[in-house]
Amino acid sequence: MKHKSLNIFSFSFKMMAGLLMTVSFMACESLYEGGEFKIYEHEAPERPELQDAPGKKGIYMPTDVTNWQDKVSSVTPFWHFSQGTELKAEEPENVEFVPTISGDNIDNALVTELQGLKDDGKISYLLGFNEPDNVDKANMTVERALELWPLLEEVGLPLGSPACVDIESQWMVDFMDSVDAKGLTIDFISMHWHGDTDTETDAEAEAGVFLNKLEDAFLLYEKPIWITGFSLTDTAATIIKDNQYSPGDVLKFMKSVLPELEKRAYILRYAWLHGDISDPQQYSSALWDESGRLTALGTYYAEFKPNTK
């Protein structure tokens, strides 16, 4: 299965040169016509084209966490999201807030509110449903997501796909097939990743698994990617000492992965998934300790490609 149309996004020859370092030109040449990707003819509301961001690095941080705004600032990101649509007054001024439609709570009133934020220059992108294939999250059928999607388009911003539990799940494949068939708009793919804990693997191997997953997703959907949350989590751990990944392991993983994410032109943005230092499954991916100070992992993330504006 291939999805052959990019709605408003076009790669320059310069960006394609970057892509050739990681993916085969033959996988993309059928999309190429006269130096630009094909444009899908669909009478959706006009939206700005995807622009080169000042930096890729971001952070996922819920706004119900104590001192969330200070924690966001401490890792020097360029963008922040919290799986919600409310732009808090405490949002750091130099960090771009990106709203997320977490479930089927989108309606005309919310569309109008988001359009107002767009018109005021306060938001520039919109992320689609979070884990619609998860009964504990958005819990939506493909049909319901497709029914609501035109409302997301009405906001008039570059629009990210639903972020499924597995980017290659049947839910996601069916949704993307239907998006093409119905002439709906997806400007970029949203995906997240928390590690493959089916088998015990070391941090360097996990880095390879993650990077291969990104390439597979790009080749499958042929759209640029936002990584809306990634970490190295041991979902089988019930106590901290049983977590197969030490903080040092996760630091090795991060050091292997971040430079690759910066190099790959089809990766537009990425955001580390904040970890709870007291959670047996996530403690080694935590950016902050019990006192809210940066861990060694957090310090590395903060110093890597910092937002200094």
C-alpha atoms as a PDB file:
ATOM      1  CA  MET A   1       0.000   0.000   0.000  1.00  0.00           C
ATOM      2  CA  LYS A   2       1.271   3.476  -0.855  1.00  0.00           C
ATOM      3  CA  HIS A   3      -0.238   6.886  -0.304  1.00  0.00           C
ATOM      4  CA  LYS A   4       0.737   8.907  -3.330  1.00  0.00           C
ATOM      5  CA  SER A   5      -0.355  12.466  -2.569  1.00  0.00           C
ATOM      6  CA  LEU A   6       0.973  15.258  -0.367  1.00  0.00           C
ATOM      7  CA  ASN A   7      -1.687  17.854   0.180  1.00  0.00           C
ATOM      8  CA  ILE A   8       0.144  21.178   0.479  1.00  0.00           C
ATOM      9  CA  PHE A   9       3.666  20.177   1.385  1.00  0.00           C
ATOM     10  CA  SER A  10       6.458  20.152  -1.211  1.00  0.00           C
ATOM     11  CA  PHE A  11      10.079  19.251  -0.789  1.00  0.00           C
ATOM     12  CA  SER A  12      12.748  21.341  -2.509  1.00  0.00           C
ATOM     13  CA  PHE A  13      15.577  19.599  -4.309  1.00  0.00           C
ATOM     14  CA  LYS A  14      17.797  20.584  -1.405  1.00  0.00           C
ATOM     15  CA  MET A  15      15.595  18.775   1.095  1.00  0.00           C
ATOM     16  CA  MET A  16      15.346  15.740  -1.185  1.00  0.00           C
ATOM     17  CA  ALA A  17      19.129  15.563  -1.152  1.00  0.00           C
ATOM     18  CA  GLY A  18      18.894  15.146   2.607  1.00  0.00           C
ATOM     19  CA  LEU A  19      16.309  12.413   2.273  1.00  0.00           C
ATOM     20  CA  LEU A  20      18.529  10.431  -0.057  1.00  0.00           C
ATOM     21  CA  MET A  21      20.925   9.847   2.803  1.00  0.00           C
ATOM     22  CA  THR A  22      18.331   7.711   4.590  1.00  0.00           C
ATOM     23  CA  VAL A  23      15.788   6.478   2.069  1.00  0.00           C
ATOM     24  CA  SER A  24      15.942   5.251  -1.483  1.00  0.00           C
ATOM     25  CA  PHE A  25      15.152   7.715  -4.260  1.00  0.00           C
ATOM     26  CA  MET A  26      13.209   4.970  -5.984  1.00  0.00           C
ATOM     27  CA  ALA A  27      10.721   4.958  -3.098  1.00  0.00           C
ATOM     28  CA  CYS A  28       9.916   8.614  -3.781  1.00  0.00           C
ATOM     29  CA  GLU A  29      10.469   9.221  -7.494  1.00  0.00           C
ATOM     30  CA  SER A  30       6.898   8.270  -8.444  1.00  0.00           C
ATOM     31  CA  LEU A  31       5.754  11.251  -6.381  1.00  0.00           C
ATOM     32  CA  TYR A  32       8.083  13.674  -8.067  1.00  0.00           C
ATOM     33  CA  GLU A  33       6.970  15.949 -10.897  1.00  0.00           C
ATOM     34  CA  GLY A  34       8.994  18.972 -11.959  1.00  0.00           C
ATOM     35  CA  GLY A  35      10.749  19.280  -8.605  1.00  0.00           C
ATOM     36  CA  GLU A  36       7.604  19.271  -6.444  1.00  0.00           C
ATOM     37  CA  PHE A  37       5.260  16.688  -5.066  1.00  0.00           C
ATOM     38  CA  LYS A  38       1.807  16.367  -6.574  1.00  0.00           C
ATOM     39  CA  ILE A  39      -0.953  18.464  -5.049  1.00  0.00           C
ATOM     40  CA  TYR A  40      -4.154  16.682  -4.085  1.00  0.00           C
ATOM     41  CA  GLU A  41      -7.143  18.569  -5.456  1.00  0.00           C
ATOM     42  CA  HIS A  42      -9.469  19.013  -2.507  1.00  0.00           C
ATOM     43  CA  GLU A  43     -11.526  22.068  -1.628  1.00  0.00           C
ATOM     44  CA  ALA A  44     -10.464  22.211   1.998  1.00  0.00           C
ATOM     45  CA  PRO A  45     -10.006  25.550   3.775  1.00  0.00           C
ATOM     46  CA  GLU A  46      -6.777  27.269   2.849  1.00  0.00           C
ATOM     47  CA  ARG A  47      -3.985  26.726   5.331  1.00  0.00           C
ATOM     48  CA  PRO A  48      -0.402  27.943   5.498  1.00  0.00           C
ATOM     49  CA  GLU A  49       2.239  25.644   4.091  1.00  0.00           C
ATOM     50  CA  LEU A  50       4.633  23.857   6.398  1.00  0.00           C
ATOM     51  CA  GLN A  51       7.564  26.123   7.103  1.00  0.00           C
ATOM     52  CA  ASP A  52      11.089  25.346   8.190  1.00  0.00           C
ATOM     53  CA  ALA A  53      11.017  25.525  11.987  1.00  0.00           C
ATOM     54  CA  PRO A  54      13.749  27.384  13.882  1.00  0.00           C
ATOM     55  CA  GLY A  55      14.475  24.067  15.586  1.00  0.00           C
ATOM     56  CA  LYS A  56      13.079  20.556  15.779  1.00  0.00           C
ATOM     57  CA  LYS A  57      13.405  19.838  19.497  1.00  0.00           C
ATOM     58  CA  GLY A  58      10.249  19.918  21.630  1.00  0.00           C
ATOM     59  CA  ILE A  59       8.754  18.526  24.820  1.00  0.00           C
ATOM     60  CA  TYR A  60       5.550  16.790  25.790  1.00  0.00           C
ATOM     61  CA  MET A  61       4.526  18.130  29.191  1.00  0.00           C
ATOM     62  CA  PRO A  62       1.027  18.109  30.707  1.00  0.00           C
ATOM     63  CA  THR A  63       0.047  21.450  32.222  1.00  0.00           C
ATOM     64  CA  ASP A  64      -1.291  19.836  35.391  1.00  0.00           C
ATOM     65  CA  VAL A  65       2.254  18.964  36.513  1.00  0.00           C
ATOM     66  CA  THR A  66       3.739  21.145  39.270  1.00  0.00           C
ATOM     67  CA  ASN A  67       5.941  23.932  37.850  1.00  0.00           C
ATOM     68  CA  TRP A  68       5.304  22.652  34.338  1.00  0.00           C
ATOM     69  CA  GLN A  69       6.263  25.962  32.745  1.00  0.00           C
ATOM     70  CA  ASP A  70       9.643  26.035  34.497  1.00  0.00           C
ATOM     71  CA  LYS A  71      10.285  22.448  33.459  1.00  0.00           C
ATOM     72  CA  VAL A  72       9.401  23.246  29.860  1.00  0.00           C
ATOM     73  CA  SER A  73      11.814  26.190  29.838  1.00  0.00           C
ATOM     74  CA  SER A  74      14.582  24.191  31.510  1.00  0.00           C
ATOM     75  CA  VAL A  75      15.040  21.825  28.562  1.00  0.00           C
ATOM     76  CA  THR A  76      15.254  24.700  26.014  1.00  0.00           C
ATOM     77  CA  PRO A  77      12.706  23.388  23.491  1.00  0.00           C
ATOM     78  CA  PHE A  78      11.342  25.186  20.449  1.00  0.00           C
ATOM     79  CA  TRP A  79       7.832  23.790  20.898  1.00  0.00           C
ATOM     80  CA  HIS A  80       5.593  22.233  23.528  1.00  0.00           C
ATOM     81  CA  PHE A  81       2.345  20.288  23.560  1.00  0.00           C
ATOM     82  CA  SER A  82       0.212  18.864  26.309  1.00  0.00           C
ATOM     83  CA  GLN A  83      -2.493  16.816  24.510  1.00  0.00           C
ATOM     84  CA  GLY A  84      -4.929  19.691  24.931  1.00  0.00           C
ATOM     85  CA  THR A  85      -6.002  22.845  23.115  1.00  0.00           C
ATOM     86  CA  GLU A  86      -5.801  25.458  25.866  1.00  0.00           C
ATOM     87  CA  LEU A  87      -2.994  27.978  25.524  1.00  0.00           C
ATOM     88  CA  LYS A  88      -2.105  28.736  29.145  1.00  0.00           C
ATOM     89  CA  ALA A  89      -1.038  32.217  30.188  1.00  0.00           C
ATOM     90  CA  GLU A  90       2.049  30.644  31.785  1.00  0.00           C
ATOM     91  CA  GLU A  91       3.318  29.216  28.468  1.00  0.00           C
ATOM     92  CA  PRO A  92       6.954  30.342  28.061  1.00  0.00           C
ATOM     93  CA  GLU A  93       7.084  33.195  25.558  1.00  0.00           C
ATOM     94  CA  ASN A  94       9.894  31.743  23.472  1.00  0.00           C
ATOM     95  CA  VAL A  95       8.291  28.278  23.152  1.00  0.00           C
ATOM     96  CA  GLU A  96       5.671  27.540  20.497  1.00  0.00           C
ATOM     97  CA  PHE A  97       2.507  25.897  21.828  1.00  0.00           C
ATOM     98  CA  VAL A  98       0.927  23.279  19.557  1.00  0.00           C
ATOM     99  CA  PRO A  99      -2.694  22.309  20.354  1.00  0.00           C
ATOM    100  CA  THR A 100      -3.874  18.704  20.178  1.00  0.00           C
ATOM    101  CA  ILE A 101      -7.390  17.399  19.574  1.00  0.00           C
ATOM    102  CA  SER A 102      -7.207  14.540  22.047  1.00  0.00           C
ATOM    103  CA  GLY A 103     -10.626  12.967  21.427  1.00  0.00           C
ATOM    104  CA  ASP A 104     -13.982  13.606  19.780  1.00  0.00           C
ATOM    105  CA  ASN A 105     -14.414  16.895  21.678  1.00  0.00           C
ATOM    106  CA  ILE A 106     -14.032  18.969  18.508  1.00  0.00           C
ATOM    107  CA  ASP A 107     -17.043  21.130  17.651  1.00  0.00           C
ATOM    108  CA  ASN A 108     -17.767  24.462  15.958  1.00  0.00           C
ATOM    109  CA  ALA A 109     -17.091  26.421  19.152  1.00  0.00           C
ATOM    110  CA  LEU A 110     -13.628  24.897  19.516  1.00  0.00           C
ATOM    111  CA  VAL A 111     -12.924  25.470  15.825  1.00  0.00           C
ATOM    112  CA  THR A 112     -13.780  29.169  16.276  1.00  0.00           C
ATOM    113  CA  GLU A 113     -11.561  29.383  19.366  1.00  0.00           C
ATOM    114  CA  LEU A 114      -8.608  27.823  17.552  1.00  0.00           C
ATOM    115  CA  GLN A 115      -9.163  30.049  14.529  1.00  0.00           C
ATOM    116  CA  GLY A 116      -8.938  33.032  16.866  1.00  0.00           C
ATOM    117  CA  LEU A 117      -5.591  31.826  18.229  1.00  0.00           C
ATOM    118  CA  LYS A 118      -4.398  31.272  14.664  1.00  0.00           C
ATOM    119  CA  ASP A 119      -5.489  34.748  13.571  1.00  0.00           C
ATOM    120  CA  ASP A 120      -3.673  36.244  16.555  1.00  0.00           C
ATOM    121  CA  GLY A 121      -0.493  34.450  15.518  1.00  0.00           C
ATOM    122  CA  LYS A 122      -0.439  32.333  18.680  1.00  0.00           C
ATOM    123  CA  ILE A 123      -0.647  28.883  17.067  1.00  0.00           C
ATOM    124  CA  SER A 124       0.721  27.649  13.748  1.00  0.00           C
ATOM    125  CA  TYR A 125      -0.018  23.896  13.691  1.00  0.00           C
ATOM    126  CA  LEU A 126      -2.686  21.456  14.871  1.00  0.00           C
ATOM    127  CA  LEU A 127      -2.242  17.850  15.973  1.00  0.00           C
ATOM    128  CA  GLY A 128      -4.978  15.288  15.365  1.00  0.00           C
ATOM    129  CA  PHE A 129      -6.479  12.672  17.670  1.00  0.00           C
ATOM    130  CA  ASN A 130      -4.192  11.069  20.253  1.00  0.00           C
ATOM    131  CA  GLU A 131      -4.307   7.262  20.292  1.00  0.00           C
ATOM    132  CA  PRO A 132      -7.772   6.880  18.769  1.00  0.00           C
ATOM    133  CA  ASP A 133      -7.096   3.137  18.635  1.00  0.00           C
ATOM    134  CA  ASN A 134      -6.621   2.956  22.418  1.00  0.00           C
ATOM    135  CA  VAL A 135      -9.728   2.342  24.564  1.00  0.00           C
ATOM    136  CA  ASP A 136      -8.052   4.232  27.411  1.00  0.00           C
ATOM    137  CA  LYS A 137      -7.365   7.341  25.299  1.00  0.00           C
ATOM    138  CA  ALA A 138      -9.385   8.791  22.388  1.00  0.00           C
ATOM    139  CA  ASN A 139     -11.072   5.412  21.699  1.00  0.00           C
ATOM    140  CA  MET A 140     -12.580   6.233  18.303  1.00  0.00           C
ATOM    141  CA  THR A 141     -13.540   4.216  15.279  1.00  0.00           C
ATOM    142  CA  VAL A 142     -11.989   5.071  11.949  1.00  0.00           C
ATOM    143  CA  GLU A 143     -15.446   6.117  10.757  1.00  0.00           C
ATOM    144  CA  ARG A 144     -15.901   8.561  13.643  1.00  0.00           C
ATOM    145  CA  ALA A 145     -12.457  10.075  13.104  1.00  0.00           C
ATOM    146  CA  LEU A 146     -13.189  10.567   9.402  1.00  0.00           C
ATOM    147  CA  GLU A 147     -16.556  12.126  10.222  1.00  0.00           C
ATOM    148  CA  LEU A 148     -14.900  14.727  12.468  1.00  0.00           C
ATOM    149  CA  TRP A 149     -11.810  15.367  10.351  1.00  0.00           C
ATOM    150  CA  PRO A 150     -13.337  18.200   8.240  1.00  0.00           C
ATOM    151  CA  LEU A 151     -13.791  20.175  11.476  1.00  0.00           C
ATOM    152  CA  LEU A 152     -10.054  19.922  12.114  1.00  0.00           C
ATOM    153  CA  GLU A 153      -9.445  21.105   8.564  1.00  0.00           C
ATOM    154  CA  GLU A 154     -11.702  24.128   9.168  1.00  0.00           C
ATOM    155  CA  VAL A 155      -9.194  25.537  11.665  1.00  0.00           C
ATOM    156  CA  GLY A 156      -7.006  26.325   8.675  1.00  0.00           C
ATOM    157  CA  LEU A 157      -3.639  25.190  10.034  1.00  0.00           C
ATOM    158  CA  PRO A 158      -1.174  22.555   8.804  1.00  0.00           C
ATOM    159  CA  LEU A 159      -2.639  19.388  10.244  1.00  0.00           C
ATOM    160  CA  GLY A 160      -0.994  16.311  11.749  1.00  0.00           C
ATOM    161  CA  SER A 161      -2.478  12.833  11.484  1.00  0.00           C
ATOM    162  CA  PRO A 162      -3.896  10.896  14.414  1.00  0.00           C
ATOM    163  CA  ALA A 163      -1.095   9.501  16.586  1.00  0.00           C
ATOM    164  CA  CYS A 164      -1.866   5.799  16.930  1.00  0.00           C
ATOM    165  CA  VAL A 165      -0.444   3.345  19.432  1.00  0.00           C
ATOM    166  CA  ASP A 166       1.336   1.741  16.484  1.00  0.00           C
ATOM    167  CA  ILE A 167       2.008   3.854  13.410  1.00  0.00           C
ATOM    168  CA  GLU A 168       1.524   0.773  11.212  1.00  0.00           C
ATOM    169  CA  SER A 169      -1.650  -0.463  12.936  1.00  0.00           C
ATOM    170  CA  GLN A 170      -4.683  -1.493  10.896  1.00  0.00           C
ATOM    171  CA  TRP A 171      -6.566   1.503  12.321  1.00  0.00           C
ATOM    172  CA  MET A 172      -3.969   3.904  10.929  1.00  0.00           C
ATOM    173  CA  VAL A 173      -3.682   2.138   7.570  1.00  0.00           C
ATOM    174  CA  ASP A 174      -7.473   2.158   7.142  1.00  0.00           C
ATOM    175  CA  PHE A 175      -7.692   5.815   8.159  1.00  0.00           C
ATOM    176  CA  MET A 176      -4.984   6.922   5.742  1.00  0.00           C
ATOM    177  CA  ASP A 177      -6.523   4.907   2.901  1.00  0.00           C
ATOM    178  CA  SER A 178      -9.872   6.598   3.556  1.00  0.00           C
ATOM    179  CA  VAL A 179      -8.282  10.053   3.810  1.00  0.00           C
ATOM    180  CA  ASP A 180      -6.916   9.608   0.303  1.00  0.00           C
ATOM    181  CA  ALA A 181     -10.169   8.200  -1.035  1.00  0.00           C
ATOM    182  CA  LYS A 182     -12.248  11.024   0.444  1.00  0.00           C
ATOM    183  CA  GLY A 183      -9.835  13.804  -0.517  1.00  0.00           C
ATOM    184  CA  LEU A 184      -9.238  14.840   3.082  1.00  0.00           C
ATOM    185  CA  THR A 185      -6.064  16.532   4.255  1.00  0.00           C
ATOM    186  CA  ILE A 186      -3.088  15.242   6.233  1.00  0.00           C
ATOM    187  CA  ASP A 187      -0.051  17.500   6.078  1.00  0.00           C
ATOM    188  CA  PHE A 188       2.290  15.406   8.209  1.00  0.00           C
ATOM    189  CA  ILE A 189       2.298  12.155  10.168  1.00  0.00           C
ATOM    190  CA  SER A 190       2.202  12.280  13.971  1.00  0.00           C
ATOM    191  CA  MET A 191       3.710   9.260  15.684  1.00  0.00           C
ATOM    192  CA  HIS A 192       5.133   8.302  19.031  1.00  0.00           C
ATOM    193  CA  TRP A 193       7.279   5.488  20.340  1.00  0.00           C
ATOM    194  CA  HIS A 194       8.056   4.226  23.834  1.00  0.00           C
ATOM    195  CA  GLY A 195      10.362   1.304  23.170  1.00  0.00           C
ATOM    196  CA  ASP A 196       9.982  -2.317  22.171  1.00  0.00           C
ATOM    197  CA  THR A 197       9.890  -4.310  25.384  1.00  0.00           C
ATOM    198  CA  ASP A 198       8.687  -7.630  23.962  1.00  0.00           C
ATOM    199  CA  THR A 199      12.263  -8.831  24.221  1.00  0.00           C
ATOM    200  CA  GLU A 200      15.250  -7.657  26.203  1.00  0.00           C
ATOM    201  CA  THR A 201      17.485  -5.478  24.052  1.00  0.00           C
ATOM    202  CA  ASP A 202      20.248  -3.040  24.820  1.00  0.00           C
ATOM    203  CA  ALA A 203      19.955   0.707  24.318  1.00  0.00           C
ATOM    204  CA  GLU A 204      21.916   0.816  21.072  1.00  0.00           C
ATOM    205  CA  ALA A 205      19.732  -1.906  19.573  1.00  0.00           C
ATOM    206  CA  GLU A 206      16.633   0.019  20.634  1.00  0.00           C
ATOM    207  CA  ALA A 207      17.985   3.115  18.906  1.00  0.00           C
ATOM    208  CA  GLY A 208      18.216   1.106  15.698  1.00  0.00           C
ATOM    209  CA  VAL A 209      14.691  -0.250  16.126  1.00  0.00           C
ATOM    210  CA  PHE A 210      13.343   3.273  16.619  1.00  0.00           C
ATOM    211  CA  LEU A 211      15.165   4.779  13.650  1.00  0.00           C
ATOM    212  CA  ASN A 212      14.062   1.919  11.400  1.00  0.00           C
ATOM    213  CA  LYS A 213      10.480   2.458  12.542  1.00  0.00           C
ATOM    214  CA  LEU A 214      10.678   6.097  11.481  1.00  0.00           C
ATOM    215  CA  GLU A 215      11.992   5.172   8.054  1.00  0.00           C
ATOM    216  CA  ASP A 216       9.295   2.513   7.638  1.00  0.00           C
ATOM    217  CA  ALA A 217       6.598   5.060   8.514  1.00  0.00           C
ATOM    218  CA  PHE A 218       7.966   7.570   6.017  1.00  0.00           C
ATOM    219  CA  LEU A 219       8.094   4.976   3.244  1.00  0.00           C
ATOM    220  CA  LEU A 220       4.596   3.720   4.067  1.00  0.00           C
ATOM    221  CA  TYR A 221       2.774   7.059   4.143  1.00  0.00           C
ATOM    222  CA  GLU A 222       5.220   9.230   2.166  1.00  0.00           C
ATOM    223  CA  LYS A 223       4.652  12.278   4.308  1.00  0.00           C
ATOM    224  CA  PRO A 224       6.966  14.156   6.680  1.00  0.00           C
ATOM    225  CA  ILE A 225       6.889  13.144  10.346  1.00  0.00           C
ATOM    226  CA  TRP A 226       6.457  14.785  13.719  1.00  0.00           C
ATOM    227  CA  ILE A 227       7.507  12.542  16.633  1.00  0.00           C
ATOM    228  CA  THR A 228       4.948  13.557  19.236  1.00  0.00           C
ATOM    229  CA  GLY A 229       6.571  11.863  22.201  1.00  0.00           C
ATOM    230  CA  PHE A 230       9.316   9.250  22.441  1.00  0.00           C
ATOM    231  CA  SER A 231      11.295   7.668  25.257  1.00  0.00           C
ATOM    232  CA  LEU A 232      12.700   4.316  26.331  1.00  0.00           C
ATOM    233  CA  THR A 233      10.103   2.758  28.609  1.00  0.00           C
ATOM    234  CA  ASP A 234       9.972  -0.738  30.087  1.00  0.00           C
ATOM    235  CA  THR A 235       6.238  -1.455  30.245  1.00  0.00           C
ATOM    236  CA  ALA A 236       6.847  -4.779  31.981  1.00  0.00           C
ATOM    237  CA  ALA A 237       8.596  -3.269  35.029  1.00  0.00           C
ATOM    238  CA  THR A 238       6.588  -3.240  38.258  1.00  0.00           C
ATOM    239  CA  ILE A 239       9.399  -2.004  40.502  1.00  0.00           C
ATOM    240  CA  ILE A 240      12.309   0.263  39.599  1.00  0.00           C
ATOM    241  CA  LYS A 241      15.007  -2.400  39.958  1.00  0.00           C
ATOM    242  CA  ASP A 242      13.224  -4.569  37.380  1.00  0.00           C
ATOM    243  CA  ASN A 243      13.406  -1.920  34.659  1.00  0.00           C
ATOM    244  CA  GLN A 244      15.783  -3.314  32.038  1.00  0.00           C
ATOM    245  CA  TYR A 245      17.006   0.178  31.119  1.00  0.00           C
ATOM    246  CA  SER A 246      19.206   2.139  33.501  1.00  0.00           C
ATOM    247  CA  PRO A 247      19.441   5.946  33.270  1.00  0.00           C
ATOM    248  CA  GLY A 248      22.816   5.411  31.601  1.00  0.00           C
ATOM    249  CA  ASP A 249      21.203   3.140  29.008  1.00  0.00           C
ATOM    250  CA  VAL A 250      18.622   5.782  28.137  1.00  0.00           C
ATOM    251  CA  LEU A 251      21.318   8.445  27.886  1.00  0.00           C
ATOM    252  CA  LYS A 252      23.167   6.239  25.377  1.00  0.00           C
ATOM    253  CA  PHE A 253      19.911   5.830  23.459  1.00  0.00           C
ATOM    254  CA  MET A 254      19.316   9.574  23.396  1.00  0.00           C
ATOM    255  CA  LYS A 255      22.877  10.326  22.302  1.00  0.00           C
ATOM    256  CA  SER A 256      22.509   7.861  19.427  1.00  0.00           C
ATOM    257  CA  VAL A 257      19.096   9.063  18.295  1.00  0.00           C
ATOM    258  CA  LEU A 258      19.027  12.869  18.550  1.00  0.00           C
ATOM    259  CA  PRO A 259      21.763  13.577  15.968  1.00  0.00           C
ATOM    260  CA  GLU A 260      19.969  11.242  13.534  1.00  0.00           C
ATOM    261  CA  LEU A 261      16.661  13.037  14.025  1.00  0.00           C
ATOM    262  CA  GLU A 262      18.359  16.321  13.234  1.00  0.00           C
ATOM    263  CA  LYS A 263      19.941  14.903  10.067  1.00  0.00           C
ATOM    264  CA  ARG A 264      16.826  13.304   8.605  1.00  0.00           C
ATOM    265  CA  ALA A 265      14.990  15.885   6.524  1.00  0.00           C
ATOM    266  CA  TYR A 266      11.671  14.031   6.701  1.00  0.00           C
ATOM    267  CA  ILE A 267      11.670  14.378  10.498  1.00  0.00           C
ATOM    268  CA  LEU A 268      10.257  17.861  10.969  1.00  0.00           C
ATOM    269  CA  ARG A 269       9.962  17.856  14.764  1.00  0.00           C
ATOM    270  CA  TYR A 270      10.448  15.599  17.761  1.00  0.00           C
ATOM    271  CA  ALA A 271       9.498  15.764  21.441  1.00  0.00           C
ATOM    272  CA  TRP A 272      10.793  13.745  24.370  1.00  0.00           C
ATOM    273  CA  LEU A 273       8.062  12.178  26.487  1.00  0.00           C
ATOM    274  CA  HIS A 274       8.598  13.407  30.019  1.00  0.00           C
ATOM    275  CA  GLY A 275       9.085  10.518  32.437  1.00  0.00           C
ATOM    276  CA  ASP A 276       8.048  10.256  36.074  1.00  0.00           C
ATOM    277  CA  ILE A 277      11.127   9.614  38.200  1.00  0.00           C
ATOM    278  CA  SER A 278       9.015   7.506  40.609  1.00  0.00           C
ATOM    279  CA  ASP A 279       7.397   5.340  37.905  1.00  0.00           C
ATOM    280  CA  PRO A 280       9.086   1.921  37.597  1.00  0.00           C
ATOM    281  CA  GLN A 281       8.422   1.877  33.850  1.00  0.00           C
ATOM    282  CA  GLN A 282       9.590   5.417  33.084  1.00  0.00           C
ATOM    283  CA  TYR A 283      12.073   6.439  35.780  1.00  0.00           C
ATOM    284  CA  SER A 284      15.160   6.018  33.625  1.00  0.00           C
ATOM    285  CA  SER A 285      13.659   8.290  30.932  1.00  0.00           C
ATOM    286  CA  ALA A 286      12.946  11.093  33.417  1.00  0.00           C
ATOM    287  CA  LEU A 287      14.356  14.527  32.620  1.00  0.00           C
ATOM    288  CA  TRP A 288      13.823  15.795  36.191  1.00  0.00           C
ATOM    289  CA  ASP A 289      14.503  14.283  39.596  1.00  0.00           C
ATOM    290  CA  GLU A 290      12.241  14.314  42.662  1.00  0.00           C
ATOM    291  CA  SER A 291      13.187  17.941  43.382  1.00  0.00           C
ATOM    292  CA  GLY A 292      12.485  19.131  39.846  1.00  0.00           C
ATOM    293  CA  ARG A 293      16.153  19.443  38.954  1.00  0.00           C
ATOM    294  CA  LEU A 294      17.455  18.184  35.632  1.00  0.00           C
ATOM    295  CA  THR A 295      18.796  14.645  35.621  1.00  0.00           C
ATOM    296  CA  ALA A 296      21.872  13.781  33.564  1.00  0.00           C
ATOM    297  CA  LEU A 297      19.462  12.837  30.773  1.00  0.00           C
ATOM    298  CA  GLY A 298      17.613  16.134  31.150  1.00  0.00           C
ATOM    299  CA  THR A 299      20.862  18.093  31.096  1.00  0.00           C
ATOM    300  CA  TYR A 300      21.923  16.428  27.864  1.00  0.00           C
ATOM    301  CA  TYR A 301      18.519  17.116  26.282  1.00  0.00           C
ATOM    302  CA  ALA A 302      18.611  20.745  27.433  1.00  0.00           C
ATOM    303  CA  GLU A 303      22.089  21.318  26.011  1.00  0.00           C
ATOM    304  CA  PHE A 304      21.393  19.567  22.711  1.00  0.00           C
ATOM    305  CA  LYS A 305      20.344  22.067  20.004  1.00  0.00           C
ATOM    306  CA  PRO A 306      19.056  24.584  22.580  1.00  0.00           C
ATOM    307  CA  ASN A 307      16.492  27.261  21.877  1.00  0.00           C
ATOM    308  CA  THR A 308      18.435  30.374  22.824  1.00  0.00           C
ATOM    309  CA  LYS A 309      16.035  33.049  21.647  1.00  0.00           C
END
